N, C-alpha and C. Protein backbone atom coordinates (compact mmCIF):
# COMPACT_ATOMS: atom_id res chain seq x y z
N MET A 1 -11.51 12.99 -15.90
CA MET A 1 -10.06 12.90 -16.74
C MET A 1 -9.34 14.02 -16.16
N ALA A 2 -9.84 15.31 -15.89
CA ALA A 2 -9.19 16.43 -15.62
C ALA A 2 -8.46 16.13 -14.34
N ASP A 3 -9.07 15.51 -13.33
CA ASP A 3 -8.44 14.86 -12.19
C ASP A 3 -7.15 14.26 -12.16
N VAL A 4 -7.39 13.17 -13.24
CA VAL A 4 -6.37 12.29 -13.60
C VAL A 4 -5.29 13.08 -14.17
N ALA A 5 -5.53 14.03 -15.18
CA ALA A 5 -4.34 14.71 -15.78
C ALA A 5 -3.67 15.87 -14.65
N ALA A 6 -4.35 16.38 -13.56
CA ALA A 6 -3.71 17.05 -12.73
C ALA A 6 -2.66 16.33 -11.73
N VAL A 7 -3.35 14.88 -11.58
CA VAL A 7 -2.50 14.11 -10.56
C VAL A 7 -1.19 13.69 -11.34
N ASP A 8 -1.07 13.30 -12.72
CA ASP A 8 -0.20 13.08 -13.53
C ASP A 8 0.69 14.30 -13.67
N THR A 9 0.47 15.36 -13.74
CA THR A 9 1.07 16.49 -13.81
C THR A 9 1.96 16.75 -12.51
N ARG A 10 1.16 16.74 -11.60
CA ARG A 10 1.78 16.86 -10.37
C ARG A 10 3.04 15.81 -10.00
N THR A 11 2.67 14.53 -10.54
CA THR A 11 3.74 13.39 -10.20
C THR A 11 4.88 13.67 -11.30
N LEU A 12 4.56 14.38 -12.51
CA LEU A 12 5.50 14.60 -13.49
C LEU A 12 6.65 15.41 -12.92
N ILE A 13 6.16 16.79 -12.12
CA ILE A 13 6.82 17.83 -11.64
C ILE A 13 7.78 17.00 -10.30
N MET A 14 7.00 16.43 -9.52
CA MET A 14 7.75 15.83 -8.36
C MET A 14 8.94 15.09 -8.76
N GLU A 15 8.77 14.38 -9.77
CA GLU A 15 9.75 13.37 -10.32
C GLU A 15 10.99 14.03 -10.76
N ALA A 16 10.43 15.01 -11.62
CA ALA A 16 11.64 16.05 -12.38
C ALA A 16 12.22 16.87 -11.08
N ALA A 17 11.38 17.34 -10.25
CA ALA A 17 12.25 17.98 -9.14
C ALA A 17 13.21 17.20 -8.25
N ARG A 18 12.81 15.95 -7.83
CA ARG A 18 14.07 14.88 -7.31
C ARG A 18 14.95 14.97 -8.16
N ARG A 19 15.08 14.71 -9.47
CA ARG A 19 16.25 14.60 -10.18
C ARG A 19 16.93 15.66 -10.39
N ARG A 20 16.32 16.74 -10.60
CA ARG A 20 17.34 18.14 -10.57
C ARG A 20 17.80 18.41 -9.18
N LEU A 21 17.06 18.15 -8.08
CA LEU A 21 17.81 18.44 -6.71
C LEU A 21 19.00 17.61 -6.62
N LEU A 22 18.99 16.16 -7.01
CA LEU A 22 20.08 15.55 -6.92
C LEU A 22 21.36 15.85 -7.73
N ALA A 23 20.96 16.39 -9.25
CA ALA A 23 21.77 16.83 -10.13
C ALA A 23 22.44 18.26 -9.74
N ASP A 24 21.72 19.38 -9.08
CA ASP A 24 22.02 20.51 -9.03
C ASP A 24 22.19 20.99 -7.41
N GLY A 25 21.58 20.23 -6.35
CA GLY A 25 21.66 20.81 -5.19
C GLY A 25 20.33 21.69 -4.95
N TYR A 26 20.09 22.06 -3.89
CA TYR A 26 19.01 23.07 -3.56
C TYR A 26 19.36 24.30 -3.89
N ALA A 27 20.47 24.74 -3.70
CA ALA A 27 20.93 26.10 -4.03
C ALA A 27 20.86 26.34 -5.61
N GLY A 28 21.28 25.57 -6.40
CA GLY A 28 21.41 25.45 -7.95
C GLY A 28 19.78 25.23 -8.59
N LEU A 29 19.08 24.75 -7.79
CA LEU A 29 17.99 24.12 -8.51
C LEU A 29 17.07 25.43 -8.88
N SER A 30 16.44 25.14 -10.34
CA SER A 30 15.52 26.41 -10.63
C SER A 30 14.09 25.73 -10.82
N THR A 31 13.07 26.37 -10.73
CA THR A 31 11.84 25.93 -11.41
C THR A 31 11.58 25.85 -12.77
N ARG A 32 12.43 26.84 -13.52
CA ARG A 32 12.55 26.60 -15.13
C ARG A 32 12.98 25.09 -15.40
N LYS A 33 14.25 24.88 -14.47
CA LYS A 33 14.97 23.50 -15.07
C LYS A 33 13.87 22.42 -14.88
N VAL A 34 13.18 22.59 -13.76
CA VAL A 34 12.43 21.37 -13.20
C VAL A 34 10.99 21.36 -14.30
N ALA A 35 10.56 22.34 -14.76
CA ALA A 35 9.46 22.51 -15.45
C ALA A 35 9.88 21.70 -17.05
N ASP A 36 11.02 22.16 -17.46
CA ASP A 36 11.48 21.55 -18.64
C ASP A 36 11.82 20.05 -18.68
N ASP A 37 12.35 19.78 -17.40
CA ASP A 37 12.59 18.26 -17.51
C ASP A 37 11.37 17.41 -17.19
N ALA A 38 10.13 18.07 -16.62
CA ALA A 38 8.97 17.23 -16.40
C ALA A 38 8.35 16.64 -17.51
N PRO A 39 8.18 17.21 -18.81
CA PRO A 39 8.17 18.65 -19.32
C PRO A 39 6.59 19.02 -19.12
N VAL A 40 6.56 20.35 -18.51
CA VAL A 40 5.27 20.89 -18.26
C VAL A 40 5.57 22.32 -18.39
N PRO A 41 4.42 23.15 -18.60
CA PRO A 41 4.59 24.58 -18.52
C PRO A 41 4.89 25.07 -17.12
N LEU A 42 5.85 25.95 -17.06
CA LEU A 42 6.23 26.65 -15.61
C LEU A 42 5.14 27.12 -14.42
N SER A 43 4.01 27.41 -15.54
CA SER A 43 2.72 27.93 -14.54
C SER A 43 2.19 26.72 -13.81
N GLN A 44 2.30 25.43 -14.46
CA GLN A 44 1.93 24.36 -13.77
C GLN A 44 2.50 24.01 -12.42
N LEU A 45 3.85 24.27 -12.34
CA LEU A 45 4.42 24.13 -11.29
C LEU A 45 4.05 25.20 -10.33
N HIS A 46 4.08 26.45 -10.69
CA HIS A 46 3.44 27.30 -9.57
C HIS A 46 2.04 26.96 -9.21
N TYR A 47 1.27 26.41 -10.11
CA TYR A 47 -0.22 26.38 -9.76
C TYR A 47 -0.32 25.27 -8.77
N HIS A 48 0.43 24.18 -9.08
CA HIS A 48 0.77 22.92 -8.02
C HIS A 48 1.36 23.11 -6.42
N PHE A 49 2.22 23.74 -6.77
CA PHE A 49 3.39 24.14 -5.47
C PHE A 49 3.67 25.57 -4.93
N GLY A 50 3.21 26.53 -5.82
CA GLY A 50 3.47 27.91 -5.25
C GLY A 50 4.92 28.49 -5.49
N SER A 51 5.85 27.58 -5.10
CA SER A 51 7.08 28.22 -5.47
C SER A 51 8.31 27.19 -5.29
N LYS A 52 9.65 27.44 -5.52
CA LYS A 52 10.58 26.10 -5.37
C LYS A 52 10.62 25.81 -3.96
N GLN A 53 10.48 26.73 -3.10
CA GLN A 53 10.30 26.11 -1.83
C GLN A 53 9.41 25.14 -1.35
N GLY A 54 8.21 25.66 -1.93
CA GLY A 54 6.80 24.72 -1.70
C GLY A 54 7.20 23.31 -2.23
N LEU A 55 7.81 23.62 -3.50
CA LEU A 55 7.87 22.21 -4.19
C LEU A 55 8.69 21.22 -3.70
N ILE A 56 9.88 21.78 -3.02
CA ILE A 56 11.00 20.88 -2.63
C ILE A 56 10.38 20.55 -1.12
N LEU A 57 9.77 21.19 -0.15
CA LEU A 57 9.40 21.04 1.13
C LEU A 57 8.18 19.85 0.74
N GLN A 58 7.33 19.73 -0.18
CA GLN A 58 6.55 18.92 -0.67
C GLN A 58 7.13 17.71 -1.11
N LEU A 59 7.97 17.61 -1.76
CA LEU A 59 8.95 16.49 -2.30
C LEU A 59 9.61 15.71 -1.01
N LEU A 60 10.02 16.57 -0.26
CA LEU A 60 10.64 15.90 1.10
C LEU A 60 9.79 15.23 1.87
N GLU A 61 8.34 16.01 2.22
CA GLU A 61 7.33 15.33 2.93
C GLU A 61 7.06 14.11 2.42
N ASP A 62 6.56 13.98 0.98
CA ASP A 62 6.28 12.53 0.39
C ASP A 62 7.16 11.47 0.45
N GLU A 63 8.57 12.05 0.30
CA GLU A 63 9.59 11.05 0.32
C GLU A 63 9.68 10.57 1.90
N ASN A 64 9.52 11.35 2.91
CA ASN A 64 9.73 11.05 4.27
C ASN A 64 8.79 10.11 4.64
N GLN A 65 7.49 10.55 4.37
CA GLN A 65 6.42 9.84 4.72
C GLN A 65 6.63 8.26 4.40
N ARG A 66 6.77 7.99 3.28
CA ARG A 66 7.07 6.85 2.52
C ARG A 66 7.85 5.81 3.27
N ARG A 67 8.96 6.45 3.61
CA ARG A 67 10.09 5.81 4.48
C ARG A 67 9.76 5.69 6.09
N LEU A 68 9.06 6.57 6.61
CA LEU A 68 8.41 6.30 7.84
C LEU A 68 7.47 5.42 8.14
N ASP A 69 6.71 5.21 7.13
CA ASP A 69 5.66 4.29 6.91
C ASP A 69 6.03 2.66 6.96
N ARG A 70 7.23 2.69 5.94
CA ARG A 70 8.09 1.69 5.79
C ARG A 70 8.70 1.12 7.20
N GLN A 71 9.46 1.95 7.77
CA GLN A 71 10.11 1.64 9.02
C GLN A 71 8.89 1.29 10.17
N SER A 72 8.12 1.84 10.18
CA SER A 72 6.89 1.65 11.27
C SER A 72 6.45 0.34 10.96
N SER A 73 5.98 0.17 9.74
CA SER A 73 5.75 -1.27 9.36
C SER A 73 6.86 -2.35 9.75
N MET A 74 7.74 -2.10 9.70
CA MET A 74 8.91 -3.09 9.84
C MET A 74 9.11 -3.33 11.45
N TYR A 75 9.36 -2.15 12.12
CA TYR A 75 9.42 -2.17 13.60
C TYR A 75 8.13 -2.79 14.19
N ALA A 76 7.01 -2.64 13.66
CA ALA A 76 5.78 -3.63 14.09
C ALA A 76 5.75 -4.98 13.90
N GLU A 77 6.67 -5.55 13.05
CA GLU A 77 6.70 -6.98 12.82
C GLU A 77 7.20 -7.93 14.11
N ASP A 78 6.64 -9.01 14.02
CA ASP A 78 6.80 -9.99 15.16
C ASP A 78 8.25 -10.73 14.88
N ALA A 79 9.43 -10.13 15.18
CA ALA A 79 10.62 -10.67 14.88
C ALA A 79 11.71 -10.08 15.88
N PRO A 80 12.76 -10.76 16.20
CA PRO A 80 13.47 -10.12 17.19
C PRO A 80 14.04 -8.68 16.80
N LEU A 81 14.41 -7.97 17.83
CA LEU A 81 14.73 -6.63 17.47
C LEU A 81 15.86 -6.22 16.83
N TRP A 82 16.80 -7.23 16.92
CA TRP A 82 18.21 -6.94 16.48
C TRP A 82 18.11 -7.37 14.94
N LYS A 83 17.12 -8.25 14.36
CA LYS A 83 17.02 -8.60 13.24
C LYS A 83 16.34 -7.34 12.40
N ARG A 84 15.27 -6.60 13.37
CA ARG A 84 14.53 -5.35 12.61
C ARG A 84 15.52 -4.41 12.54
N TYR A 85 16.39 -4.22 13.45
CA TYR A 85 17.60 -3.12 13.39
C TYR A 85 18.40 -3.51 12.20
N GLU A 86 18.84 -4.75 11.63
CA GLU A 86 19.70 -4.86 10.67
C GLU A 86 19.03 -4.47 9.38
N ARG A 87 17.81 -4.72 9.42
CA ARG A 87 16.88 -4.20 8.13
C ARG A 87 16.88 -2.87 8.10
N ALA A 88 16.69 -2.02 9.32
CA ALA A 88 17.12 -0.83 9.32
C ALA A 88 18.31 0.00 8.44
N CYS A 89 19.40 -0.99 8.95
CA CYS A 89 20.54 -0.62 8.22
C CYS A 89 20.80 -0.82 6.82
N ASP A 90 20.06 -2.01 6.42
CA ASP A 90 19.82 -2.13 4.91
C ASP A 90 19.03 -1.08 4.42
N TYR A 91 18.03 -0.59 5.01
CA TYR A 91 17.22 0.54 4.49
C TYR A 91 18.20 1.77 4.23
N LEU A 92 19.06 1.93 4.95
CA LEU A 92 20.04 3.15 4.83
C LEU A 92 20.82 3.04 3.50
N GLU A 93 21.05 1.86 2.99
CA GLU A 93 21.77 1.86 1.76
C GLU A 93 20.71 1.95 0.63
N ASP A 94 19.57 1.54 0.82
CA ASP A 94 18.47 1.87 -0.15
C ASP A 94 18.48 3.38 -0.13
N ASP A 95 18.19 4.18 0.83
CA ASP A 95 18.01 5.66 0.84
C ASP A 95 19.13 6.15 0.15
N LEU A 96 20.50 5.97 0.62
CA LEU A 96 21.47 6.55 0.01
C LEU A 96 21.57 6.33 -1.45
N GLU A 97 21.07 5.39 -2.00
CA GLU A 97 21.32 5.05 -3.25
C GLU A 97 20.09 5.68 -4.15
N SER A 98 18.85 5.85 -3.52
CA SER A 98 17.82 6.51 -4.10
C SER A 98 18.08 7.88 -4.15
N GLY A 99 18.74 8.50 -3.21
CA GLY A 99 18.93 9.98 -3.26
C GLY A 99 18.16 10.75 -2.14
N TYR A 100 17.40 10.06 -1.42
CA TYR A 100 16.43 10.35 -0.35
C TYR A 100 17.32 11.05 0.69
N VAL A 101 18.47 10.66 1.04
CA VAL A 101 19.54 10.98 2.35
C VAL A 101 19.95 12.39 1.60
N ARG A 102 20.38 12.30 0.40
CA ARG A 102 21.07 13.67 -0.17
C ARG A 102 19.94 14.89 -0.03
N VAL A 103 18.65 14.56 -0.42
CA VAL A 103 17.54 15.44 -0.49
C VAL A 103 17.40 15.90 1.19
N LEU A 104 17.31 14.98 2.04
CA LEU A 104 17.14 15.38 3.53
C LEU A 104 18.08 16.15 3.86
N HIS A 105 19.39 15.87 3.62
CA HIS A 105 20.58 16.87 4.23
C HIS A 105 20.61 18.04 3.28
N GLU A 106 20.07 18.26 2.05
CA GLU A 106 20.21 19.46 1.54
C GLU A 106 19.21 20.25 2.14
N MET A 107 17.90 19.60 2.92
CA MET A 107 16.96 20.57 3.36
C MET A 107 17.63 20.90 4.63
N ILE A 108 18.28 20.14 5.30
CA ILE A 108 18.69 20.13 6.66
C ILE A 108 19.68 21.49 6.67
N ALA A 109 20.63 21.60 5.55
CA ALA A 109 21.33 22.55 5.38
C ALA A 109 20.67 24.10 4.94
N ALA A 110 19.68 23.87 4.13
CA ALA A 110 19.05 25.00 3.80
C ALA A 110 18.34 25.71 5.35
N GLY A 111 17.87 24.55 6.00
CA GLY A 111 17.00 24.97 7.14
C GLY A 111 17.90 25.71 8.31
N TRP A 112 19.08 25.91 8.26
CA TRP A 112 19.93 26.71 8.99
C TRP A 112 19.87 28.26 8.64
N SER A 113 19.29 28.59 7.48
CA SER A 113 19.26 30.04 7.37
C SER A 113 17.82 30.53 6.73
N ASN A 114 16.87 29.32 6.67
CA ASN A 114 15.37 29.61 6.29
C ASN A 114 14.53 29.23 7.58
N ALA A 115 13.95 29.94 8.14
CA ALA A 115 13.04 29.38 9.17
C ALA A 115 11.94 28.47 8.77
N GLU A 116 11.28 28.48 7.64
CA GLU A 116 10.08 27.91 7.20
C GLU A 116 10.90 26.57 6.86
N ILE A 117 11.91 26.41 6.26
CA ILE A 117 12.49 25.05 6.03
C ILE A 117 12.73 24.26 7.30
N GLN A 118 13.62 25.20 8.05
CA GLN A 118 14.31 24.74 9.60
C GLN A 118 12.60 23.93 10.11
N ALA A 119 11.43 24.57 10.18
CA ALA A 119 10.55 24.22 11.02
C ALA A 119 9.74 22.95 10.43
N ALA A 120 9.85 22.91 8.93
CA ALA A 120 9.05 21.49 8.09
C ALA A 120 10.29 20.49 8.36
N VAL A 121 11.44 20.63 8.24
CA VAL A 121 12.67 19.61 8.43
C VAL A 121 12.35 19.29 9.94
N ARG A 122 12.69 20.16 10.84
CA ARG A 122 12.25 19.47 12.35
C ARG A 122 11.08 18.65 12.62
N ASP A 123 9.72 19.25 11.87
CA ASP A 123 8.48 18.44 12.07
C ASP A 123 8.90 17.00 11.38
N LEU A 124 9.60 16.83 10.26
CA LEU A 124 9.76 15.47 9.52
C LEU A 124 10.57 14.66 10.43
N LEU A 125 11.90 15.24 11.34
CA LEU A 125 12.75 14.68 12.04
C LEU A 125 12.04 14.03 13.49
N GLU A 126 11.24 14.87 13.67
CA GLU A 126 10.44 14.59 14.95
C GLU A 126 9.50 13.34 14.68
N GLY A 127 9.07 13.04 13.58
CA GLY A 127 8.51 11.70 13.28
C GLY A 127 9.36 10.65 13.51
N TRP A 128 10.59 10.57 12.96
CA TRP A 128 11.46 9.52 13.31
C TRP A 128 11.91 9.39 14.68
N PHE A 129 11.99 10.50 15.36
CA PHE A 129 12.43 10.23 16.82
C PHE A 129 11.36 9.88 17.62
N ALA A 130 10.08 10.01 17.33
CA ALA A 130 8.91 9.49 18.07
C ALA A 130 8.82 8.02 17.69
N LEU A 131 9.04 7.62 16.39
CA LEU A 131 9.13 6.04 16.28
C LEU A 131 10.20 5.50 17.07
N LEU A 132 11.37 5.95 17.11
CA LEU A 132 12.40 5.35 17.62
C LEU A 132 12.27 5.33 19.14
N THR A 133 11.66 6.51 19.43
CA THR A 133 11.12 6.51 21.06
C THR A 133 10.26 5.40 21.47
N GLN A 134 9.42 4.94 20.53
CA GLN A 134 8.31 4.15 20.85
C GLN A 134 8.91 2.72 20.86
N VAL A 135 10.07 2.46 19.95
CA VAL A 135 10.93 1.06 19.76
C VAL A 135 11.62 0.89 21.09
N ALA A 136 12.29 2.06 21.39
CA ALA A 136 13.05 2.01 22.60
C ALA A 136 12.01 1.41 23.81
N ARG A 137 10.81 2.38 24.01
CA ARG A 137 10.15 1.82 25.13
C ARG A 137 9.76 0.64 24.97
N ASP A 138 9.27 -0.07 23.97
CA ASP A 138 8.98 -1.39 23.77
C ASP A 138 9.91 -2.40 24.33
N ALA A 139 11.40 -1.96 23.89
CA ALA A 139 12.33 -2.79 24.32
C ALA A 139 12.53 -2.61 25.81
N GLU A 140 12.43 -1.58 26.39
CA GLU A 140 12.60 -1.26 27.83
C GLU A 140 11.49 -2.21 28.50
N ASN A 141 10.35 -2.16 27.95
CA ASN A 141 9.27 -3.14 28.58
C ASN A 141 9.59 -4.52 28.79
N ARG A 142 10.15 -5.16 27.68
CA ARG A 142 10.53 -6.24 27.52
C ARG A 142 11.78 -6.85 28.04
N PHE A 143 12.80 -5.97 27.92
CA PHE A 143 13.97 -6.46 28.22
C PHE A 143 14.52 -5.68 29.54
N GLY A 144 14.08 -4.71 29.96
CA GLY A 144 14.46 -4.09 31.14
C GLY A 144 15.17 -2.77 30.98
N PRO A 145 16.03 -2.32 32.03
CA PRO A 145 16.54 -1.00 31.63
C PRO A 145 17.78 -1.05 30.40
N LEU A 146 17.80 0.11 29.90
CA LEU A 146 18.46 -0.01 28.46
C LEU A 146 19.97 0.81 29.09
N GLY A 147 20.69 0.12 29.91
CA GLY A 147 21.64 0.48 30.49
C GLY A 147 21.52 1.98 31.10
N PRO A 148 22.16 2.87 31.11
CA PRO A 148 22.03 4.02 31.97
C PRO A 148 20.98 5.09 31.19
N PHE A 149 20.55 4.64 30.17
CA PHE A 149 19.71 5.57 29.31
C PHE A 149 18.32 5.28 29.53
N SER A 150 17.51 6.54 29.53
CA SER A 150 16.14 6.41 29.29
C SER A 150 15.61 5.98 28.02
N ALA A 151 14.31 5.83 27.65
CA ALA A 151 13.86 5.33 26.41
C ALA A 151 14.30 6.34 25.33
N GLU A 152 13.87 7.72 25.63
CA GLU A 152 13.96 8.79 24.99
C GLU A 152 15.32 9.21 24.66
N GLU A 153 16.44 8.98 25.63
CA GLU A 153 17.84 9.37 25.41
C GLU A 153 18.30 8.34 24.37
N ALA A 154 17.79 6.69 24.50
CA ALA A 154 18.53 5.81 23.74
C ALA A 154 18.02 6.21 22.12
N ALA A 155 16.71 6.49 22.09
CA ALA A 155 16.24 6.81 20.79
C ALA A 155 16.83 8.12 20.09
N THR A 156 17.18 9.17 21.12
CA THR A 156 17.93 10.32 20.60
C THR A 156 19.36 9.98 19.98
N LEU A 157 20.19 9.13 20.79
CA LEU A 157 21.41 8.82 20.42
C LEU A 157 21.33 7.87 18.92
N LEU A 158 20.47 7.15 18.95
CA LEU A 158 20.35 6.14 17.66
C LEU A 158 20.33 6.98 16.68
N GLY A 159 19.11 8.09 16.75
CA GLY A 159 18.58 8.73 15.61
C GLY A 159 19.70 9.69 15.41
N ALA A 160 20.60 10.44 16.48
CA ALA A 160 21.63 11.26 15.95
C ALA A 160 22.93 10.52 15.19
N ALA A 161 23.00 9.34 15.68
CA ALA A 161 24.11 8.53 15.06
C ALA A 161 23.75 8.28 13.57
N PHE A 162 22.49 8.01 13.15
CA PHE A 162 22.20 7.57 11.91
C PHE A 162 22.43 8.77 11.22
N ILE A 163 21.92 10.09 11.58
CA ILE A 163 21.89 11.52 10.85
C ILE A 163 23.30 11.73 10.52
N GLY A 164 24.33 11.50 11.62
CA GLY A 164 25.60 11.82 11.47
C GLY A 164 26.41 10.94 10.52
N ALA A 165 25.75 9.84 10.68
CA ALA A 165 26.61 8.77 9.44
C ALA A 165 26.08 9.18 8.28
N GLU A 166 24.96 9.46 7.90
CA GLU A 166 24.39 9.86 6.77
C GLU A 166 25.13 11.11 5.94
N ALA A 167 25.32 12.02 6.98
CA ALA A 167 26.26 13.41 6.53
C ALA A 167 27.74 12.94 6.31
N LEU A 168 28.46 12.15 6.97
CA LEU A 168 29.65 11.56 6.86
C LEU A 168 29.81 10.60 5.56
N LEU A 169 28.73 9.90 5.50
CA LEU A 169 28.90 8.97 3.98
C LEU A 169 28.54 9.92 2.88
N LEU A 170 27.73 10.92 3.00
CA LEU A 170 27.54 12.00 1.82
C LEU A 170 29.03 12.88 1.56
N LEU A 171 29.65 12.94 2.44
CA LEU A 171 30.99 13.68 2.00
C LEU A 171 31.83 12.94 1.64
N GLY A 172 31.69 11.48 1.62
CA GLY A 172 32.53 10.87 0.91
C GLY A 172 33.67 9.93 1.89
N PHE A 173 33.32 10.06 3.15
CA PHE A 173 34.11 9.19 4.07
C PHE A 173 33.77 7.59 3.74
N ASP A 174 35.01 6.83 3.59
CA ASP A 174 34.82 5.41 3.51
C ASP A 174 35.65 4.67 4.49
N ARG A 175 35.42 3.59 4.58
CA ARG A 175 35.97 2.65 5.56
C ARG A 175 37.13 2.76 5.91
N ASP A 176 38.04 3.22 5.04
CA ASP A 176 39.58 3.27 5.54
C ASP A 176 39.86 4.38 6.35
N VAL A 177 38.95 5.35 6.57
CA VAL A 177 39.11 6.53 7.41
C VAL A 177 38.04 6.46 8.46
N MET A 178 36.77 5.94 8.41
CA MET A 178 35.91 5.91 9.51
C MET A 178 34.87 4.80 8.97
N PRO A 179 35.07 3.45 10.06
CA PRO A 179 34.13 2.48 9.48
C PRO A 179 32.52 2.65 9.97
N ILE A 180 31.96 3.57 9.10
CA ILE A 180 30.75 4.06 9.57
C ILE A 180 29.81 2.94 9.52
N ARG A 181 29.68 2.24 8.34
CA ARG A 181 28.37 1.38 8.20
C ARG A 181 28.79 0.24 9.33
N SER A 182 30.09 -0.36 9.49
CA SER A 182 30.06 -1.49 10.56
C SER A 182 29.96 -0.85 11.87
N ALA A 183 30.09 0.31 12.17
CA ALA A 183 29.83 0.75 13.54
C ALA A 183 28.37 0.75 13.73
N LEU A 184 27.79 1.21 12.83
CA LEU A 184 26.21 1.25 12.83
C LEU A 184 25.61 -0.22 13.07
N ARG A 185 25.97 -1.15 12.35
CA ARG A 185 25.67 -2.51 12.25
C ARG A 185 25.98 -3.16 13.68
N ARG A 186 27.01 -2.93 14.28
CA ARG A 186 27.51 -3.37 15.65
C ARG A 186 26.70 -3.01 16.62
N ILE A 187 25.70 -2.03 16.46
CA ILE A 187 24.67 -1.59 17.28
C ILE A 187 23.83 -2.84 17.33
N GLY A 188 23.52 -3.59 16.24
CA GLY A 188 22.65 -4.65 16.33
C GLY A 188 23.25 -5.61 17.13
N ILE A 189 24.49 -5.90 17.30
CA ILE A 189 25.06 -6.91 18.22
C ILE A 189 24.97 -6.76 19.37
N ALA A 190 24.72 -5.55 19.85
CA ALA A 190 24.64 -5.02 21.33
C ALA A 190 23.14 -5.41 21.64
N ILE A 191 22.35 -5.02 20.53
CA ILE A 191 20.71 -5.26 20.74
C ILE A 191 20.51 -6.80 20.93
N ARG A 192 21.12 -7.53 20.01
CA ARG A 192 20.99 -9.04 20.26
C ARG A 192 21.50 -9.50 21.51
N GLN A 193 22.38 -9.17 22.04
CA GLN A 193 23.07 -9.43 23.50
C GLN A 193 22.02 -9.06 24.34
N LEU A 194 21.45 -7.89 24.16
CA LEU A 194 20.26 -7.35 25.33
C LEU A 194 19.07 -8.41 25.23
N GLU A 195 18.82 -8.86 23.96
CA GLU A 195 17.70 -9.63 24.14
C GLU A 195 17.92 -11.08 24.61
N GLU A 196 18.98 -11.44 24.18
CA GLU A 196 19.48 -12.83 24.57
C GLU A 196 19.75 -13.14 26.03
N ASP A 197 20.23 -11.95 26.86
CA ASP A 197 20.60 -11.86 28.27
C ASP A 197 19.02 -11.85 28.80
N SER A 198 18.33 -11.32 28.22
CA SER A 198 16.65 -11.06 29.00
C SER A 198 16.00 -12.33 29.02
N VAL A 199 16.40 -13.45 27.87
CA VAL A 199 15.74 -14.66 28.05
C VAL A 199 16.24 -15.62 28.80
N ARG A 200 17.73 -15.49 28.91
CA ARG A 200 18.16 -16.62 29.43
C ARG A 200 18.00 -16.94 30.74
N PRO A 201 17.75 -16.11 31.68
CA PRO A 201 17.37 -16.59 33.03
C PRO A 201 15.91 -17.15 33.19
N ARG A 202 15.04 -16.83 32.27
CA ARG A 202 13.68 -17.63 32.26
C ARG A 202 14.07 -18.85 31.55
N ARG A 203 14.91 -18.98 30.61
CA ARG A 203 15.15 -20.40 30.23
C ARG A 203 15.52 -21.39 31.19
N SER A 204 16.72 -20.75 32.18
CA SER A 204 17.11 -21.41 33.12
C SER A 204 16.09 -22.05 34.28
N GLU A 205 15.21 -21.15 34.57
CA GLU A 205 14.23 -21.52 35.49
C GLU A 205 13.25 -22.63 34.92
N GLY A 206 12.97 -22.39 33.76
CA GLY A 206 12.40 -23.50 32.99
C GLY A 206 12.66 -24.87 32.83
N ALA A 207 14.13 -25.01 33.03
CA ALA A 207 14.85 -26.22 32.64
C ALA A 207 15.06 -26.90 34.12
N ARG A 208 14.82 -26.16 35.38
CA ARG A 208 14.91 -26.80 36.68
C ARG A 208 14.51 -27.96 36.67
N VAL A 209 15.19 -28.90 37.38
CA VAL A 209 14.86 -30.41 37.58
C VAL A 209 13.85 -30.50 38.62
N PRO A 210 12.61 -31.16 38.85
CA PRO A 210 11.72 -31.17 39.73
C PRO A 210 12.31 -31.91 41.09
N THR A 211 12.19 -31.55 42.21
CA THR A 211 12.61 -31.86 43.53
C THR A 211 11.60 -32.93 44.00
N GLY A 212 10.49 -33.30 43.65
CA GLY A 212 9.70 -34.14 44.08
C GLY A 212 8.66 -33.63 45.07
N ARG A 213 9.03 -32.53 45.68
CA ARG A 213 7.85 -31.99 46.65
C ARG A 213 6.69 -31.34 46.26
């Protein structure tokens, strides 16, 4: 029972931290507010996470891992790559609504002046770039060269495009100023064209009329 109580307390603290981070931002977050929101004694927060920074880093790691697992499973499915990419765009909307994107970018900004946060956020983002690089390599193996880009370069550009898009969307840019969402989704059109062009010659070869020789 004690173990169950510990898990429940930890979960309450994490959920409260997420709510307070979205409401107050990283700079305005206080462990006292989190404990009150949980509600648990402040000592329990320090027992489980050590400090405000430890709490937020754990929150970000947990949220990030759930989404990385989700994305990894999705890209492993047997479906056209362009359809899987469209689902990645759908996931962006979910992550914006849930507040995950806000949490991530709060920590990116905090990492500019805090070496520990910087290292932690970089480790998390490296997991995403590793996944995208594997997806790009698989595409390269199936469809041939990715234009002038290596798999690593294509993954870097795509990952950077999403991170930049998230930052601009958080700043409130809408489609009247920057068509961010539609621009991201049009990448899927390019991926579909690449896929269809790669199979078209094989279909043509299979449709040749026998000569009788």
